[in-house]
Amino acid sequence: MKKIISFLFVGLAIAACQTDIVSRIDDKTLENGGYMRTVTPYPAGNSTFSVSKANLSGTKLELVTEAVTPDAGAQFAAYDLSIAFVDATPSNGTKSVAAVALKSLTPTNFTKDATTGYPRATLTITGTEALSAVKLADTDITASDYFTVTGVMRLTNGKTYSAANTGANITGGAFYSSPFTYRINVAN
């Protein structure tokens, strides 16, 4: 009887350990996207960039960005930028401006980085350029106001990536550092 019970117990244990074979995930067939990594300054936060009202042509947002796709940037088509103005000082009137097109960076603006292998470019927006894009005069802005620059990465396959369709790991993650949104504060 002990042998039968032992045999049944071993048979039950073997049967319980059987599993269906699970196929490996082929990461080459998974859908992949792209993002614009901010290389410097790192990290880029809300207080990183400022323009001086007294020196709009000489102060600027400037950052080094790199186009990251699974194929070392080969699918990168463009980085489209728009700019908005937020009037945070209503005492001089409300002059806020909704987002308008600013500029588009294409692969011709980028060069392959020798270390990472991804296309890199320096993105520069002067205070004068920002003000001109939103069609305001320097008398319309004061300290505490700010510009918001948003980016949309377009790929050659027609897909687009921005802060609206990208997760927090990409936009705020320490490695990816791809906010797709940059704030330019107005200072005196």
Protein backbone atom coordinates (compact mmCIF):
# COMPACT_ATOMS: atom_id res chain seq x y z
CA MET A 1 0.00 0.00 0.00
CA LYS A 2 2.86 2.40 0.82
CA LYS A 3 4.33 1.75 -2.62
CA ILE A 4 1.04 2.59 -4.31
CA ILE A 5 0.61 5.77 -2.28
CA SER A 6 4.25 6.75 -2.98
CA PHE A 7 3.79 6.01 -6.67
CA LEU A 8 0.59 8.10 -6.80
CA PHE A 9 2.29 10.94 -4.91
CA VAL A 10 5.29 10.95 -7.30
CA GLY A 11 2.96 10.78 -10.32
CA LEU A 12 0.88 13.68 -8.96
CA ALA A 13 4.04 15.72 -8.31
CA ILE A 14 5.30 15.13 -11.86
CA ALA A 15 1.92 15.97 -13.39
CA ALA A 16 1.71 19.18 -11.32
CA CYS A 17 5.09 20.34 -12.62
CA GLN A 18 4.15 20.21 -16.26
CA THR A 19 3.81 23.58 -17.95
CA ASP A 20 3.07 24.70 -21.42
CA ILE A 21 6.11 25.81 -23.33
CA VAL A 22 6.19 29.60 -23.46
CA SER A 23 7.68 31.11 -26.57
CA ARG A 24 10.40 33.70 -26.19
CA ILE A 25 9.42 37.27 -26.97
CA ASP A 26 11.06 38.36 -30.17
CA ASP A 27 12.07 41.94 -29.37
CA LYS A 28 12.86 42.55 -33.05
CA THR A 29 9.15 42.30 -33.91
CA LEU A 30 7.90 44.51 -31.06
CA GLU A 31 6.80 47.98 -32.02
CA ASN A 32 9.40 50.57 -31.10
CA GLY A 33 9.34 54.34 -31.12
CA GLY A 34 11.76 57.16 -30.62
CA TYR A 35 12.60 60.02 -28.32
CA MET A 36 14.83 63.08 -28.16
CA ARG A 37 17.33 62.65 -25.32
CA THR A 38 18.52 65.87 -23.66
CA VAL A 39 22.27 65.30 -23.32
CA THR A 40 23.21 68.66 -21.78
CA PRO A 41 22.20 70.36 -19.61
CA TYR A 42 21.14 67.44 -17.51
CA PRO A 43 18.52 67.35 -16.09
CA ALA A 44 16.49 70.03 -17.88
CA GLY A 45 13.88 71.34 -15.45
CA ASN A 46 11.54 74.31 -15.22
CA SER A 47 14.28 76.58 -13.88
CA THR A 48 17.05 75.54 -16.30
CA PHE A 49 16.53 78.13 -19.07
CA SER A 50 16.02 81.89 -18.77
CA VAL A 51 16.14 84.89 -21.07
CA SER A 52 16.87 88.39 -19.90
CA LYS A 53 14.39 91.08 -20.87
CA ALA A 54 17.34 93.49 -21.01
CA ASN A 55 19.32 91.21 -23.36
CA LEU A 56 16.84 89.15 -25.40
CA SER A 57 19.24 88.62 -28.32
CA GLY A 58 22.08 87.46 -26.08
CA THR A 59 20.22 85.09 -23.76
CA LYS A 60 18.78 81.78 -24.86
CA LEU A 61 17.63 78.23 -24.35
CA GLU A 62 20.47 76.03 -25.53
CA LEU A 63 20.68 72.27 -25.21
CA VAL A 64 22.30 69.32 -26.90
CA THR A 65 19.75 66.76 -27.98
CA GLU A 66 20.06 63.36 -29.62
CA ALA A 67 17.54 61.49 -31.77
CA VAL A 68 17.16 57.96 -30.39
CA THR A 69 15.45 55.18 -32.36
CA PRO A 70 16.09 51.42 -32.30
CA ASP A 71 18.20 51.74 -35.46
CA ALA A 72 20.57 54.45 -34.15
CA GLY A 73 18.40 57.29 -35.39
CA ALA A 74 17.90 56.11 -38.98
CA GLN A 75 14.09 56.41 -38.64
CA PHE A 76 14.31 60.02 -37.42
CA ALA A 77 12.54 62.40 -39.83
CA ALA A 78 12.12 65.68 -37.90
CA TYR A 79 11.79 67.37 -34.52
CA ASP A 80 9.00 69.93 -34.81
CA LEU A 81 8.95 72.67 -32.19
CA SER A 82 6.14 74.99 -31.18
CA ILE A 83 6.18 77.80 -28.63
CA ALA A 84 3.58 79.38 -26.35
CA PHE A 85 3.77 82.36 -24.02
CA VAL A 86 2.30 82.40 -20.51
CA ASP A 87 1.67 85.84 -19.03
CA ALA A 88 2.03 85.18 -15.32
CA THR A 89 1.79 88.89 -14.43
CA PRO A 90 -1.72 90.12 -15.27
CA SER A 91 -0.93 93.59 -13.86
CA ASN A 92 0.38 94.62 -17.30
CA GLY A 93 -2.50 93.03 -19.19
CA THR A 94 -3.06 89.42 -20.18
CA LYS A 95 -0.87 88.69 -23.21
CA SER A 96 -0.75 84.88 -23.11
CA VAL A 97 -0.34 83.27 -26.55
CA ALA A 98 -1.35 79.71 -27.49
CA ALA A 99 1.22 77.44 -29.13
CA VAL A 100 2.44 78.46 -32.58
CA ALA A 101 4.96 76.77 -34.88
CA LEU A 102 8.55 77.74 -34.11
CA LYS A 103 10.95 75.60 -36.16
CA SER A 104 11.67 72.10 -37.37
CA LEU A 105 14.98 70.29 -37.03
CA THR A 106 15.64 67.66 -39.71
CA PRO A 107 18.37 65.02 -39.99
CA THR A 108 20.51 67.55 -41.89
CA ASN A 109 20.76 69.58 -38.64
CA PHE A 110 22.22 66.55 -36.82
CA THR A 111 25.58 64.79 -36.91
CA LYS A 112 26.33 61.27 -35.70
CA ASP A 113 27.95 61.26 -32.27
CA ALA A 114 31.16 59.21 -32.20
CA THR A 115 30.46 57.83 -28.71
CA THR A 116 26.75 56.95 -28.80
CA GLY A 117 26.22 56.53 -32.55
CA TYR A 118 23.01 58.60 -32.41
CA PRO A 119 22.42 61.84 -34.35
CA ARG A 120 23.07 64.94 -32.19
CA ALA A 121 22.31 68.62 -32.59
CA THR A 122 22.47 71.78 -30.52
CA LEU A 123 19.04 73.34 -30.16
CA THR A 124 19.15 77.10 -29.63
CA ILE A 125 16.26 79.54 -29.16
CA THR A 126 17.15 83.14 -28.31
CA GLY A 127 14.85 85.42 -26.37
CA THR A 128 14.40 87.54 -29.50
CA GLU A 129 13.42 84.46 -31.54
CA ALA A 130 10.92 83.36 -28.87
CA LEU A 131 9.36 86.83 -28.65
CA SER A 132 9.15 87.17 -32.43
CA ALA A 133 7.48 83.75 -32.79
CA VAL A 134 4.62 84.69 -30.45
CA LYS A 135 4.36 88.15 -32.06
CA LEU A 136 4.84 90.19 -28.90
CA ALA A 137 7.00 93.20 -28.08
CA ASP A 138 9.52 93.32 -25.26
CA THR A 139 7.16 95.71 -23.44
CA ASP A 140 4.58 92.88 -23.27
CA ILE A 141 6.75 90.63 -21.11
CA THR A 142 7.94 90.92 -17.53
CA ALA A 143 9.90 88.81 -15.07
CA SER A 144 7.84 85.78 -13.92
CA ASP A 145 6.35 85.30 -17.42
CA TYR A 146 7.60 82.32 -19.42
CA PHE A 147 7.65 80.60 -22.77
CA THR A 148 6.84 76.92 -23.20
CA VAL A 149 8.55 75.07 -26.06
CA THR A 150 7.08 71.69 -27.00
CA GLY A 151 8.56 69.16 -29.37
CA VAL A 152 7.14 66.41 -31.53
CA MET A 153 9.50 63.78 -32.93
CA ARG A 154 8.44 62.47 -36.34
CA LEU A 155 9.72 59.16 -37.71
CA THR A 156 10.06 58.10 -41.34
CA ASN A 157 7.22 55.58 -40.87
CA GLY A 158 4.79 58.42 -40.10
CA LYS A 159 4.61 57.87 -36.33
CA THR A 160 5.00 60.81 -33.95
CA TYR A 161 6.11 61.00 -30.34
CA SER A 162 5.58 63.82 -27.87
CA ALA A 163 4.90 64.38 -24.17
CA ALA A 164 1.24 63.54 -24.86
CA ASN A 165 1.89 59.94 -25.96
CA THR A 166 5.07 59.12 -24.06
CA GLY A 167 5.30 57.68 -20.55
CA ALA A 168 6.86 59.16 -17.44
CA ASN A 169 9.91 56.90 -17.71
CA ILE A 170 10.86 58.59 -20.97
CA THR A 171 9.85 62.18 -20.18
CA GLY A 172 11.12 62.29 -16.61
CA GLY A 173 13.36 59.27 -16.32
CA ALA A 174 16.98 59.76 -15.37
CA PHE A 175 18.34 57.78 -18.31
CA TYR A 176 16.01 58.87 -21.11
CA SER A 177 15.80 62.56 -20.15
CA SER A 178 13.33 63.36 -22.91
CA PRO A 179 10.78 65.85 -21.58
CA PHE A 180 9.56 67.01 -25.05
CA THR A 181 8.70 70.25 -23.17
CA TYR A 182 11.10 73.04 -22.21
CA ARG A 183 10.35 76.16 -20.22
CA ILE A 184 12.11 79.48 -20.84
CA ASN A 185 11.67 81.88 -17.92
CA VAL A 186 11.75 85.65 -18.40
CA ALA A 187 14.14 87.44 -16.07
CA ASN A 188 15.01 91.14 -15.83
